[in-house]
N, C-alpha and C. Protein backbone atom coordinates (compact mmCIF):
# COMPACT_ATOMS: atom_id res chain seq x y z
N MET A 1 -11.49 -66.59 -180.50
CA MET A 1 -11.73 -67.45 -179.85
C MET A 1 -11.00 -68.74 -179.89
N LYS A 2 -10.30 -68.96 -178.94
CA LYS A 2 -9.09 -70.33 -178.97
C LYS A 2 -10.16 -71.49 -179.16
N ARG A 3 -9.56 -72.56 -180.07
CA ARG A 3 -10.33 -73.92 -180.05
C ARG A 3 -9.07 -74.53 -179.60
N ARG A 4 -9.96 -76.04 -179.09
CA ARG A 4 -8.59 -76.86 -178.71
C ARG A 4 -9.22 -78.03 -179.97
N VAL A 5 -7.96 -78.34 -180.63
CA VAL A 5 -8.48 -79.62 -181.25
C VAL A 5 -7.14 -80.78 -181.08
N GLY A 6 -7.40 -81.34 -181.88
CA GLY A 6 -6.44 -82.88 -181.68
C GLY A 6 -5.75 -83.02 -183.13
N ILE A 7 -4.54 -82.86 -182.67
CA ILE A 7 -3.66 -82.83 -184.26
C ILE A 7 -2.64 -83.84 -184.12
N GLN A 8 -2.18 -84.78 -185.04
CA GLN A 8 -1.22 -85.73 -185.00
C GLN A 8 -0.04 -85.82 -185.99
N LEU A 9 1.28 -85.62 -185.91
CA LEU A 9 2.13 -85.87 -186.80
C LEU A 9 2.08 -87.33 -187.34
N ILE A 10 2.06 -87.40 -188.66
CA ILE A 10 2.29 -88.91 -189.32
C ILE A 10 3.40 -88.64 -190.28
N ARG A 11 4.52 -89.82 -189.88
CA ARG A 11 5.18 -89.92 -191.06
C ARG A 11 5.55 -91.43 -191.22
N ASP A 12 5.50 -91.47 -192.28
CA ASP A 12 6.57 -92.61 -192.99
C ASP A 12 5.39 -93.88 -192.73
N ARG A 13 5.42 -95.10 -191.92
CA ARG A 13 4.90 -96.04 -191.68
C ARG A 13 3.62 -95.90 -191.15
N GLU A 14 3.65 -94.77 -190.36
CA GLU A 14 2.32 -94.48 -189.46
C GLU A 14 1.08 -93.74 -190.43
N HIS A 15 1.81 -93.61 -192.05
CA HIS A 15 0.56 -93.39 -192.61
C HIS A 15 -0.46 -94.78 -192.91
N TYR A 16 0.42 -95.99 -193.02
CA TYR A 16 -0.30 -97.28 -192.98
C TYR A 16 -1.10 -97.56 -191.62
N ASP A 17 -0.26 -97.67 -190.76
CA ASP A 17 -0.72 -97.75 -189.21
C ASP A 17 -1.99 -97.02 -188.95
N ASP A 18 -1.88 -95.43 -188.98
CA ASP A 18 -2.63 -94.94 -188.33
C ASP A 18 -3.93 -94.25 -189.09
N VAL A 19 -3.33 -94.27 -190.49
CA VAL A 19 -4.28 -93.66 -191.25
C VAL A 19 -5.21 -94.57 -192.01
N ILE A 20 -4.53 -95.76 -192.96
CA ILE A 20 -5.26 -96.55 -193.21
C ILE A 20 -5.93 -97.67 -192.51
N MET A 21 -5.23 -98.21 -191.58
CA MET A 21 -5.55 -99.50 -190.36
C MET A 21 -6.18 -98.85 -189.58
N GLY A 22 -5.96 -97.29 -189.25
CA GLY A 22 -6.58 -96.61 -188.16
C GLY A 22 -7.69 -96.51 -188.41
N ALA A 23 -7.65 -94.84 -188.95
CA ALA A 23 -8.95 -94.36 -189.50
C ALA A 23 -9.97 -94.95 -190.59
N VAL A 24 -9.55 -95.36 -191.43
CA VAL A 24 -9.91 -95.74 -192.59
C VAL A 24 -10.61 -96.88 -192.59
N ALA A 25 -9.65 -97.96 -192.01
CA ALA A 25 -10.48 -99.47 -191.44
C ALA A 25 -11.56 -99.23 -190.54
N ARG A 26 -11.86 -98.22 -189.90
CA ARG A 26 -12.94 -97.96 -188.52
C ARG A 26 -13.81 -97.20 -188.87
N ALA A 27 -13.89 -97.04 -190.20
CA ALA A 27 -14.96 -95.94 -190.85
C ALA A 27 -16.43 -96.76 -190.48
N ARG A 28 -17.24 -95.69 -190.44
CA ARG A 28 -18.78 -95.91 -190.04
C ARG A 28 -19.50 -95.29 -191.23
N VAL A 29 -19.38 -94.32 -191.55
CA VAL A 29 -19.99 -93.48 -192.37
C VAL A 29 -19.83 -92.94 -194.05
N SER A 30 -18.42 -92.42 -194.01
CA SER A 30 -17.90 -91.86 -195.20
C SER A 30 -16.47 -92.34 -195.17
N VAL A 31 -16.01 -92.52 -196.40
CA VAL A 31 -14.57 -92.04 -196.55
C VAL A 31 -14.21 -91.31 -198.03
N TRP A 32 -13.44 -90.22 -197.87
CA TRP A 32 -13.29 -89.32 -199.18
C TRP A 32 -12.09 -89.60 -199.50
N ILE A 33 -11.47 -89.58 -200.39
CA ILE A 33 -10.13 -89.61 -200.60
C ILE A 33 -9.67 -89.02 -202.00
N SER A 34 -8.70 -88.12 -201.91
CA SER A 34 -8.11 -87.95 -202.91
C SER A 34 -6.75 -87.76 -203.22
N THR A 35 -6.25 -87.96 -204.49
CA THR A 35 -4.74 -88.46 -204.68
C THR A 35 -4.50 -87.95 -206.26
N ALA A 36 -2.96 -87.64 -205.99
CA ALA A 36 -2.88 -87.78 -207.55
C ALA A 36 -2.68 -88.88 -208.42
N ASN A 37 -2.16 -89.86 -207.79
CA ASN A 37 -1.83 -91.20 -208.53
C ASN A 37 -2.70 -92.16 -207.69
N VAL A 38 -3.05 -92.83 -208.48
CA VAL A 38 -3.81 -94.05 -207.75
C VAL A 38 -3.07 -95.37 -208.18
N LYS A 39 -2.56 -96.10 -207.31
CA LYS A 39 -1.80 -97.34 -207.55
C LYS A 39 -2.13 -98.69 -206.68
N GLY A 40 -1.83 -99.96 -206.84
CA GLY A 40 -2.01 -101.18 -206.05
C GLY A 40 -1.81 -100.80 -204.72
N LEU A 41 -2.38 -101.10 -203.81
CA LEU A 41 -1.73 -101.05 -202.35
C LEU A 41 -2.18 -102.02 -201.47
N ARG A 42 -1.37 -102.73 -200.90
CA ARG A 42 -1.59 -104.06 -199.93
C ARG A 42 -1.40 -103.79 -198.57
N VAL A 43 -2.71 -104.44 -198.10
CA VAL A 43 -2.78 -104.55 -196.35
C VAL A 43 -2.71 -105.81 -196.07
N GLN A 44 -2.28 -105.91 -194.73
CA GLN A 44 -2.15 -107.27 -193.59
C GLN A 44 -4.21 -107.57 -193.69
N ALA A 45 -3.86 -108.88 -194.45
CA ALA A 45 -5.06 -109.57 -194.18
C ALA A 45 -5.83 -109.54 -192.79
N PRO A 46 -6.87 -109.39 -192.01
CA PRO A 46 -7.16 -109.59 -191.04
C PRO A 46 -6.68 -111.11 -190.55
N GLY A 47 -6.16 -111.00 -189.43
CA GLY A 47 -6.01 -112.35 -188.71
C GLY A 47 -4.60 -112.86 -189.40
N ALA A 48 -4.07 -112.43 -190.31
CA ALA A 48 -2.92 -113.25 -191.26
C ALA A 48 -2.00 -113.07 -190.57
N ALA A 49 -1.03 -113.99 -190.23
CA ALA A 49 0.46 -113.77 -190.07
C ALA A 49 1.17 -113.20 -190.90
N PRO A 50 2.29 -112.26 -190.58
CA PRO A 50 2.75 -111.48 -191.70
C PRO A 50 3.49 -112.21 -192.68
N ARG A 51 3.96 -113.46 -192.43
CA ARG A 51 4.81 -113.66 -193.30
C ARG A 51 4.02 -115.30 -194.20
N GLY A 52 2.69 -115.39 -193.41
CA GLY A 52 1.89 -116.58 -193.79
C GLY A 52 1.15 -116.33 -195.35
N ARG A 53 0.54 -117.53 -195.59
CA ARG A 53 -0.07 -117.35 -196.69
C ARG A 53 -1.13 -116.48 -197.24
N ARG A 54 -0.93 -115.78 -198.10
CA ARG A 54 -2.38 -114.73 -198.24
C ARG A 54 -2.30 -113.44 -197.17
N ALA A 55 -1.14 -113.33 -196.52
CA ALA A 55 -0.75 -112.21 -195.87
C ALA A 55 -1.01 -110.92 -196.18
N TYR A 56 -1.31 -110.76 -197.44
CA TYR A 56 -1.63 -109.20 -197.56
C TYR A 56 -2.83 -109.52 -198.49
N ILE A 57 -3.59 -108.52 -198.76
CA ILE A 57 -4.72 -107.84 -199.71
C ILE A 57 -4.92 -106.82 -200.07
N SER A 58 -5.63 -106.55 -201.17
CA SER A 58 -5.80 -105.37 -201.81
C SER A 58 -6.53 -104.52 -200.74
N VAL A 59 -6.00 -103.38 -200.71
CA VAL A 59 -6.68 -102.51 -199.84
C VAL A 59 -8.51 -102.19 -200.21
N LEU A 60 -8.61 -102.47 -201.72
CA LEU A 60 -9.73 -102.67 -202.10
C LEU A 60 -10.64 -103.57 -201.12
N GLU A 61 -10.02 -104.98 -200.87
CA GLU A 61 -10.88 -105.71 -200.02
C GLU A 61 -11.57 -105.32 -198.78
N LEU A 62 -10.49 -104.38 -198.41
CA LEU A 62 -10.78 -103.66 -196.98
C LEU A 62 -12.03 -102.57 -197.51
N LEU A 63 -11.96 -101.89 -198.55
CA LEU A 63 -13.01 -101.22 -198.90
C LEU A 63 -14.29 -101.29 -199.04
N ALA A 64 -14.24 -102.81 -199.74
CA ALA A 64 -15.55 -103.48 -200.03
C ALA A 64 -16.28 -103.90 -198.68
N GLY A 65 -15.34 -104.21 -197.53
CA GLY A 65 -15.72 -104.55 -196.44
C GLY A 65 -16.55 -103.30 -195.85
N LEU A 66 -16.39 -102.21 -196.08
CA LEU A 66 -16.67 -100.82 -195.48
C LEU A 66 -18.26 -100.47 -196.32
N GLU A 67 -18.15 -100.88 -197.68
CA GLU A 67 -19.11 -100.59 -198.44
C GLU A 67 -20.27 -101.79 -198.25
N GLY A 68 -19.93 -102.86 -197.86
CA GLY A 68 -20.95 -103.66 -197.49
C GLY A 68 -21.49 -103.06 -196.31
N ARG A 69 -21.00 -102.18 -195.28
CA ARG A 69 -21.73 -101.75 -193.96
C ARG A 69 -22.18 -100.35 -194.32
N GLY A 70 -22.07 -100.13 -195.51
CA GLY A 70 -23.09 -98.87 -195.75
C GLY A 70 -22.26 -97.78 -195.93
N VAL A 71 -20.67 -97.79 -195.83
CA VAL A 71 -20.07 -96.52 -195.69
C VAL A 71 -20.04 -96.05 -197.49
N GLU A 72 -20.10 -95.04 -197.33
CA GLU A 72 -20.08 -94.08 -198.75
C GLU A 72 -18.38 -94.08 -199.29
N LEU A 73 -17.84 -94.48 -200.36
CA LEU A 73 -16.60 -94.12 -200.53
C LEU A 73 -16.60 -93.48 -202.03
N ARG A 74 -15.61 -92.17 -201.82
CA ARG A 74 -15.53 -91.67 -203.11
C ARG A 74 -13.54 -91.59 -203.21
N LEU A 75 -13.75 -91.62 -204.45
CA LEU A 75 -11.90 -91.47 -204.95
C LEU A 75 -11.78 -90.47 -206.13
N LEU A 76 -11.13 -89.24 -205.71
CA LEU A 76 -10.72 -88.42 -206.39
C LEU A 76 -9.55 -88.83 -206.76
N HIS A 77 -9.01 -88.68 -208.28
CA HIS A 77 -7.91 -88.57 -208.27
C HIS A 77 -7.45 -87.74 -210.12
N ALA A 78 -6.46 -87.46 -210.22
CA ALA A 78 -5.80 -87.04 -211.24
C ALA A 78 -5.15 -88.10 -212.09
N GLY A 79 -4.55 -89.01 -212.17
CA GLY A 79 -3.89 -89.88 -213.10
C GLY A 79 -5.12 -90.59 -213.07
N LEU A 80 -4.56 -91.81 -214.49
CA LEU A 80 -5.06 -92.68 -214.65
C LEU A 80 -4.54 -94.00 -213.68
N PRO A 81 -5.66 -94.68 -212.90
CA PRO A 81 -5.37 -95.71 -212.31
C PRO A 81 -4.57 -96.85 -212.93
N SER A 82 -3.50 -97.53 -212.24
CA SER A 82 -2.48 -98.48 -212.63
C SER A 82 -3.09 -99.57 -212.68
N ARG A 83 -2.39 -100.28 -213.66
CA ARG A 83 -2.70 -101.45 -214.60
C ARG A 83 -3.14 -102.82 -212.95
N ALA A 84 -2.30 -102.57 -212.12
CA ALA A 84 -2.67 -103.14 -210.78
C ALA A 84 -3.71 -102.91 -209.92
N PHE A 85 -4.13 -101.72 -210.00
CA PHE A 85 -5.26 -101.15 -209.69
C PHE A 85 -6.42 -101.60 -210.13
N ARG A 86 -6.28 -101.46 -211.00
CA ARG A 86 -7.71 -101.55 -212.40
C ARG A 86 -7.92 -103.25 -212.05
N ALA A 87 -7.14 -103.98 -212.11
CA ALA A 87 -6.99 -105.42 -212.08
C ALA A 87 -8.01 -105.89 -210.49
N ASP A 88 -7.30 -104.97 -209.55
CA ASP A 88 -7.87 -105.32 -208.17
C ASP A 88 -9.19 -104.95 -208.16
N LEU A 89 -9.72 -104.20 -208.77
CA LEU A 89 -11.20 -103.34 -208.81
C LEU A 89 -11.97 -104.12 -209.66
N GLU A 90 -11.33 -104.96 -210.66
CA GLU A 90 -12.42 -105.87 -211.44
C GLU A 90 -12.84 -106.67 -210.15
N ARG A 91 -11.98 -107.55 -209.28
CA ARG A 91 -12.21 -108.45 -208.68
C ARG A 91 -12.96 -108.10 -207.34
N GLN A 92 -13.86 -106.92 -207.38
CA GLN A 92 -14.71 -106.26 -206.39
C GLN A 92 -15.72 -105.42 -207.36
N PRO A 93 -16.69 -106.42 -207.66
CA PRO A 93 -17.37 -106.28 -208.38
C PRO A 93 -18.59 -105.19 -207.98
N ARG A 94 -18.77 -104.94 -206.42
CA ARG A 94 -19.48 -104.15 -206.39
C ARG A 94 -18.96 -102.84 -206.27
N LEU A 95 -17.96 -102.63 -206.04
CA LEU A 95 -17.05 -101.56 -205.80
C LEU A 95 -17.00 -101.13 -207.49
N ALA A 96 -16.48 -102.09 -208.08
CA ALA A 96 -16.58 -101.61 -209.86
C ALA A 96 -17.94 -101.17 -210.46
N ARG A 97 -18.89 -101.40 -209.66
CA ARG A 97 -20.64 -100.96 -210.19
C ARG A 97 -20.58 -99.71 -209.71
N GLY A 98 -20.04 -98.93 -209.05
CA GLY A 98 -20.12 -97.78 -208.48
C GLY A 98 -20.28 -97.57 -206.84
N GLY A 99 -19.36 -98.94 -206.17
CA GLY A 99 -19.46 -98.69 -204.88
C GLY A 99 -18.73 -97.83 -204.41
N LEU A 100 -17.51 -97.95 -205.00
CA LEU A 100 -16.63 -97.25 -204.76
C LEU A 100 -16.79 -96.00 -205.88
N ALA A 101 -16.96 -94.78 -205.74
CA ALA A 101 -17.05 -93.82 -206.78
C ALA A 101 -16.11 -92.92 -207.19
N MET A 102 -15.45 -92.94 -208.31
CA MET A 102 -14.48 -92.35 -208.64
C MET A 102 -14.80 -91.29 -209.81
N ARG A 103 -13.97 -90.33 -209.66
CA ARG A 103 -13.86 -89.14 -210.50
C ARG A 103 -12.43 -88.65 -211.09
N ARG A 104 -12.08 -88.15 -212.10
CA ARG A 104 -11.17 -87.75 -212.28
C ARG A 104 -10.99 -86.32 -212.63
N CYS A 105 -9.85 -85.53 -212.05
CA CYS A 105 -9.74 -84.14 -212.43
C CYS A 105 -8.23 -83.94 -212.48
N PRO A 106 -7.90 -84.17 -213.45
CA PRO A 106 -6.10 -83.75 -214.00
C PRO A 106 -5.37 -82.67 -213.37
N ARG A 107 -6.07 -82.01 -212.73
CA ARG A 107 -5.41 -80.74 -211.86
C ARG A 107 -5.28 -81.22 -210.50
N VAL A 108 -6.15 -82.36 -209.94
CA VAL A 108 -5.57 -82.80 -208.48
C VAL A 108 -4.53 -83.01 -208.04
N HIS A 109 -3.71 -82.73 -207.00
CA HIS A 109 -2.50 -82.69 -206.55
C HIS A 109 -2.67 -82.99 -205.22
N LEU A 110 -4.34 -82.70 -204.57
CA LEU A 110 -4.33 -82.86 -203.06
C LEU A 110 -4.08 -84.06 -202.98
N LYS A 111 -3.74 -84.27 -201.71
CA LYS A 111 -3.82 -85.72 -201.07
C LYS A 111 -4.23 -85.69 -200.08
N MET A 112 -5.67 -85.92 -199.55
CA MET A 112 -6.42 -85.93 -198.09
C MET A 112 -6.99 -86.97 -198.09
N ILE A 113 -7.56 -87.23 -196.83
CA ILE A 113 -8.59 -88.67 -196.67
C ILE A 113 -9.57 -87.90 -195.61
N ALA A 114 -10.93 -87.95 -195.65
CA ALA A 114 -11.22 -87.32 -194.72
C ALA A 114 -12.49 -88.87 -194.26
N VAL A 115 -12.82 -88.99 -193.12
CA VAL A 115 -13.13 -90.30 -192.22
C VAL A 115 -14.27 -89.71 -191.60
N ASP A 116 -15.26 -90.30 -191.99
CA ASP A 116 -16.92 -90.10 -191.21
C ASP A 116 -17.00 -88.69 -191.03
N GLY A 117 -16.43 -87.66 -191.57
CA GLY A 117 -16.34 -86.27 -191.12
C GLY A 117 -15.99 -86.18 -189.53
N ALA A 118 -15.19 -86.71 -189.35
CA ALA A 118 -14.45 -86.50 -188.03
C ALA A 118 -13.02 -86.56 -187.78
N GLN A 119 -12.50 -86.70 -189.22
CA GLN A 119 -10.65 -87.09 -189.22
C GLN A 119 -10.44 -86.78 -190.44
N LEU A 120 -9.74 -85.93 -190.46
CA LEU A 120 -8.81 -85.56 -191.74
C LEU A 120 -7.40 -85.79 -192.00
N TYR A 121 -6.61 -86.27 -192.97
CA TYR A 121 -5.29 -86.52 -193.24
C TYR A 121 -5.38 -85.61 -194.16
N LEU A 122 -4.12 -84.84 -193.85
CA LEU A 122 -3.60 -84.08 -194.82
C LEU A 122 -2.11 -84.17 -194.94
N GLY A 123 -1.63 -84.39 -196.16
CA GLY A 123 -0.20 -84.76 -195.90
C GLY A 123 0.66 -84.98 -197.78
N SER A 124 1.74 -85.58 -197.58
CA SER A 124 2.46 -85.49 -198.85
C SER A 124 2.20 -87.08 -199.96
N ALA A 125 1.05 -88.25 -199.17
CA ALA A 125 1.11 -89.32 -199.71
C ALA A 125 0.00 -89.53 -200.31
N ASN A 126 0.25 -90.20 -201.62
CA ASN A 126 -0.59 -90.51 -202.56
C ASN A 126 -1.48 -91.87 -201.94
N PHE A 127 -2.38 -92.38 -203.12
CA PHE A 127 -3.07 -93.40 -202.94
C PHE A 127 -2.32 -94.61 -203.55
N THR A 128 -0.88 -95.00 -202.76
CA THR A 128 -0.21 -96.18 -203.48
C THR A 128 0.28 -97.02 -202.30
N GLY A 129 0.54 -97.92 -202.95
CA GLY A 129 1.67 -98.86 -201.99
C GLY A 129 2.82 -98.17 -201.36
N ALA A 130 3.39 -97.62 -202.15
CA ALA A 130 4.83 -96.66 -201.31
C ALA A 130 4.59 -96.02 -200.38
N GLY A 131 3.29 -94.79 -200.71
CA GLY A 131 3.08 -93.93 -199.96
C GLY A 131 2.46 -94.38 -198.71
N LEU A 132 1.13 -95.39 -198.98
CA LEU A 132 0.23 -95.89 -197.84
C LEU A 132 0.19 -97.12 -197.21
N GLY A 133 0.75 -98.10 -198.22
CA GLY A 133 0.47 -99.69 -197.93
C GLY A 133 1.51 -100.12 -196.98
N ALA A 134 1.21 -101.48 -197.14
CA ALA A 134 2.19 -102.17 -196.10
C ALA A 134 3.48 -102.82 -196.74
N LYS A 135 4.55 -101.89 -196.71
CA LYS A 135 5.83 -101.89 -197.38
C LYS A 135 6.83 -101.83 -196.23
N GLY A 136 7.51 -102.14 -196.36
CA GLY A 136 9.07 -102.13 -195.43
C GLY A 136 9.44 -101.03 -195.22
N ASP A 137 9.97 -100.55 -194.14
CA ASP A 137 10.64 -99.16 -194.06
C ASP A 137 11.94 -98.68 -195.00
N ARG A 138 12.47 -100.05 -195.47
CA ARG A 138 13.24 -99.34 -196.48
C ARG A 138 13.10 -99.43 -197.52
N ARG A 139 11.38 -99.68 -198.09
CA ARG A 139 11.02 -99.70 -199.63
C ARG A 139 10.19 -98.55 -199.78
N ARG A 140 9.39 -98.19 -198.79
CA ARG A 140 8.60 -97.06 -199.03
C ARG A 140 8.77 -95.71 -198.95
N ASN A 141 8.00 -94.84 -199.28
CA ASN A 141 8.29 -93.34 -199.44
C ASN A 141 8.64 -92.94 -198.05
N PHE A 142 9.83 -91.84 -198.25
CA PHE A 142 9.43 -90.76 -196.87
C PHE A 142 8.12 -89.57 -197.10
N GLU A 143 7.13 -90.02 -196.38
CA GLU A 143 6.23 -88.90 -196.47
C GLU A 143 6.02 -88.66 -195.02
N ALA A 144 5.00 -87.23 -194.77
CA ALA A 144 4.55 -86.76 -193.90
C ALA A 144 3.19 -85.87 -193.60
N GLY A 145 2.68 -86.09 -193.24
CA GLY A 145 1.54 -85.05 -193.14
C GLY A 145 0.65 -85.24 -191.77
N VAL A 146 -0.46 -84.74 -191.53
CA VAL A 146 -1.25 -84.57 -189.93
C VAL A 146 -2.19 -85.41 -190.16
N LEU A 147 -2.86 -85.43 -189.01
CA LEU A 147 -4.37 -86.56 -188.87
C LEU A 147 -4.94 -85.48 -187.45
N THR A 148 -5.89 -84.94 -188.10
CA THR A 148 -6.54 -83.97 -186.99
C THR A 148 -7.97 -84.50 -187.02
N ASP A 149 -8.93 -84.07 -185.80
CA ASP A 149 -10.15 -83.98 -185.69
C ASP A 149 -10.72 -82.32 -185.87
N ASP A 150 -10.06 -81.41 -186.39
CA ASP A 150 -10.42 -79.81 -186.35
C ASP A 150 -11.60 -79.65 -187.15
N ASP A 151 -12.43 -79.02 -186.53
CA ASP A 151 -13.80 -78.67 -187.60
C ASP A 151 -13.57 -78.31 -188.64
N VAL A 152 -12.79 -76.83 -188.33
CA VAL A 152 -12.64 -75.96 -189.49
C VAL A 152 -11.80 -76.30 -190.27
N LEU A 153 -10.81 -77.31 -190.35
CA LEU A 153 -9.79 -77.85 -191.21
C LEU A 153 -11.03 -78.85 -192.17
N LEU A 154 -11.76 -79.51 -191.35
CA LEU A 154 -12.97 -80.40 -192.11
C LEU A 154 -13.60 -79.94 -193.14
N ASP A 155 -14.44 -78.83 -192.85
CA ASP A 155 -15.03 -78.09 -193.27
C ASP A 155 -14.45 -77.20 -194.30
N GLU A 156 -13.39 -77.20 -194.35
CA GLU A 156 -12.41 -76.26 -195.52
C GLU A 156 -12.19 -77.39 -196.62
N MET A 157 -11.88 -78.66 -196.06
CA MET A 157 -11.08 -79.41 -197.00
C MET A 157 -12.12 -80.02 -197.39
N GLN A 158 -13.57 -80.42 -196.97
CA GLN A 158 -14.46 -81.20 -197.56
C GLN A 158 -14.97 -80.42 -198.30
N GLY A 159 -15.22 -79.32 -198.21
CA GLY A 159 -15.71 -78.03 -198.89
C GLY A 159 -15.24 -78.24 -200.55
N THR A 160 -13.91 -78.12 -200.40
CA THR A 160 -12.91 -78.07 -201.52
C THR A 160 -12.92 -79.51 -202.16
N PHE A 161 -13.29 -80.29 -201.43
CA PHE A 161 -13.29 -82.00 -202.37
C PHE A 161 -14.46 -81.55 -203.01
N ASP A 162 -15.67 -81.01 -202.12
CA ASP A 162 -16.87 -81.23 -202.85
C ASP A 162 -16.96 -80.54 -204.31
N ARG A 163 -16.39 -79.27 -204.12
CA ARG A 163 -16.26 -78.46 -205.22
C ARG A 163 -15.69 -78.97 -206.47
N ILE A 164 -15.11 -79.75 -206.48
CA ILE A 164 -13.88 -80.60 -207.69
C ILE A 164 -15.05 -81.39 -207.86
N TRP A 165 -15.50 -82.53 -207.16
CA TRP A 165 -16.22 -83.60 -207.05
C TRP A 165 -17.79 -83.32 -207.77
N THR A 166 -18.27 -82.04 -207.64
CA THR A 166 -19.55 -81.83 -208.20
C THR A 166 -19.24 -81.06 -209.67
N GLY A 167 -18.35 -80.71 -209.93
CA GLY A 167 -17.92 -80.14 -211.36
C GLY A 167 -18.01 -78.27 -211.07
N ARG A 168 -17.99 -78.05 -209.95
CA ARG A 168 -18.32 -76.53 -209.85
C ARG A 168 -16.78 -75.85 -210.25
N GLU A 169 -16.10 -76.51 -210.21
CA GLU A 169 -14.49 -75.68 -210.53
C GLU A 169 -13.98 -75.91 -211.99
N CYS A 170 -15.10 -76.86 -212.83
CA CYS A 170 -14.80 -76.83 -214.10
C CYS A 170 -15.13 -75.90 -214.92
N GLY A 171 -15.84 -74.99 -215.05
CA GLY A 171 -16.62 -73.71 -215.77
C GLY A 171 -15.19 -73.04 -215.94
N ARG A 172 -14.74 -72.62 -214.88
CA ARG A 172 -13.82 -71.42 -215.02
C ARG A 172 -11.95 -72.16 -215.45
N CYS A 173 -12.27 -73.20 -215.63
CA CYS A 173 -10.85 -74.08 -215.53
C CYS A 173 -10.19 -73.57 -216.80
N ALA A 174 -8.61 -73.53 -216.89
CA ALA A 174 -8.29 -72.84 -217.96
C ALA A 174 -7.54 -74.33 -218.76
N LEU A 175 -7.89 -75.19 -218.21
CA LEU A 175 -7.48 -76.61 -219.13
C LEU A 175 -8.72 -77.39 -219.40
N ARG A 176 -9.72 -76.93 -219.33
CA ARG A 176 -10.96 -77.63 -219.87
C ARG A 176 -10.81 -78.24 -221.18
N ALA A 177 -9.95 -77.58 -222.22
CA ALA A 177 -10.07 -77.80 -223.53
C ALA A 177 -9.35 -79.26 -223.71
N VAL A 178 -8.50 -79.53 -222.49
CA VAL A 178 -7.50 -80.59 -222.83
C VAL A 178 -8.10 -81.62 -221.92
N CYS A 179 -8.94 -81.55 -221.08
CA CYS A 179 -9.38 -82.31 -220.05
C CYS A 179 -10.13 -83.89 -220.77
N PRO A 180 -9.63 -84.67 -219.99
CA PRO A 180 -10.32 -85.84 -221.12
C PRO A 180 -11.97 -86.09 -220.96
N ALA A 181 -12.51 -85.80 -219.61
CA ALA A 181 -13.91 -85.94 -219.28
C ALA A 181 -14.35 -85.02 -218.09
N PRO A 182 -14.59 -83.73 -218.24
CA PRO A 182 -14.61 -82.58 -217.48
C PRO A 182 -15.89 -83.06 -216.75
N ILE A 183 -15.99 -83.14 -214.95
CA ILE A 183 -16.70 -83.58 -214.54
C ILE A 183 -18.08 -82.97 -214.47
N ASP A 184 -18.25 -81.60 -214.82
CA ASP A 184 -19.75 -81.06 -215.09
C ASP A 184 -20.30 -81.55 -216.33
N THR A 185 -19.76 -82.27 -217.08
CA THR A 185 -20.43 -83.24 -218.28
C THR A 185 -20.72 -84.08 -217.90
N LEU A 186 -20.17 -85.03 -216.75
CA LEU A 186 -20.88 -86.17 -216.21
C LEU A 186 -22.08 -86.33 -215.37
N THR A 187 -22.05 -84.95 -214.61
CA THR A 187 -23.24 -84.90 -214.00
C THR A 187 -23.44 -83.29 -213.62
N ALA A 188 -24.82 -83.29 -213.44
CA ALA A 188 -24.70 -81.68 -213.08
C ALA A 188 -24.48 -81.64 -211.79
N PRO A 189 -23.82 -80.17 -211.70
CA PRO A 189 -23.56 -79.49 -210.24
C PRO A 189 -24.36 -79.49 -209.00
N ALA A 190 -24.22 -80.19 -208.21
CA ALA A 190 -25.18 -79.96 -207.33
C ALA A 190 -25.05 -79.01 -206.20
N ALA A 191 -25.74 -78.89 -205.49
CA ALA A 191 -26.22 -77.71 -204.33
C ALA A 191 -25.30 -78.32 -203.51
N PRO A 192 -24.17 -77.67 -202.61
CA PRO A 192 -23.49 -77.92 -201.60
C PRO A 192 -24.87 -78.58 -200.49
N PRO A 193 -24.64 -79.84 -199.66
CA PRO A 193 -25.54 -79.91 -198.54
C PRO A 193 -25.11 -79.08 -197.54
N ALA A 194 -26.11 -78.66 -197.02
CA ALA A 194 -26.07 -77.95 -195.59
C ALA A 194 -25.14 -78.00 -194.77
N SER A 195 -24.86 -79.57 -194.44
CA SER A 195 -23.07 -79.54 -193.82
C SER A 195 -22.54 -80.77 -194.40
N LEU A 196 -21.12 -80.74 -194.75
CA LEU A 196 -20.61 -81.76 -195.59
C LEU A 196 -19.66 -82.67 -194.51
N ARG A 197 -20.36 -82.76 -192.98
CA ARG A 197 -20.22 -83.49 -192.18
C ARG A 197 -21.22 -84.17 -191.82
N PRO A 198 -21.23 -85.44 -191.28
CA PRO A 198 -22.34 -86.30 -190.40
C PRO A 198 -22.69 -85.29 -189.30
N GLY A 199 -24.06 -85.65 -189.16
CA GLY A 199 -24.69 -85.00 -187.87
C GLY A 199 -23.82 -85.75 -186.33
N PRO A 200 -24.08 -85.01 -185.48
CA PRO A 200 -23.88 -85.37 -184.10
C PRO A 200 -23.85 -87.04 -183.87
N ARG A 201 -25.15 -87.43 -184.45
CA ARG A 201 -25.43 -89.04 -184.10
C ARG A 201 -24.27 -89.77 -184.96
N SER A 202 -23.89 -89.41 -186.00
CA SER A 202 -23.05 -90.21 -186.84
C SER A 202 -21.85 -90.19 -186.84
N ARG A 203 -21.36 -88.83 -186.03
CA ARG A 203 -19.84 -88.77 -185.67
C ARG A 203 -19.92 -89.71 -184.39
N LYS A 204 -20.67 -89.56 -183.59
CA LYS A 204 -20.33 -90.33 -182.22
C LYS A 204 -20.09 -91.79 -182.50
N SER A 205 -20.98 -92.47 -183.60
CA SER A 205 -21.21 -93.76 -183.77
C SER A 205 -19.64 -94.37 -184.43
N GLY A 206 -19.06 -93.18 -184.90
CA GLY A 206 -17.68 -93.60 -185.54
C GLY A 206 -16.63 -93.05 -184.98
N ALA A 207 -16.91 -92.82 -183.68
CA ALA A 207 -15.66 -92.39 -182.55
C ALA A 207 -15.51 -94.04 -182.37
């Protein structure tokens, strides 16, 4: 059976414009992020002139606004967050106390962002300023990926994320002995929900 799906090639600056300030900034239900590296990431402050005072803020301020509206935030990462990211997180007490749920798996090299169970970014960009932030074209990384609303890819990749997130991959991991904190020791693995995507009402509200 043929399927009609939306898919957009995302390159370089489009990661910031279309993924972060587009899909993520408009989230209504959930934002699930997977990345190898986590570093400080700046975005343009709402209403600020590009060169004005306090023109750029931490992306965590943007996420804090989403959390305040009830959006579920998950960040799955491999490396230790950078010093700059940790300092920014300390300035957002609600996120630091669990509003931004974070779990670490050293094997994660997957770069994905799922928004509202309705949009999926897959590509090369880590959750860093050079990959996703508001950097000039001559300073940012060369990155490429896709942004899609394909239900099949959303199901597959949210399922992959959820298996890692709940520790269901930990038992058979050959690197468990050197893992700093296996996820399945932090929380008992949960059965996956009947659907990893919000229902039709939630998806419609996030359009």
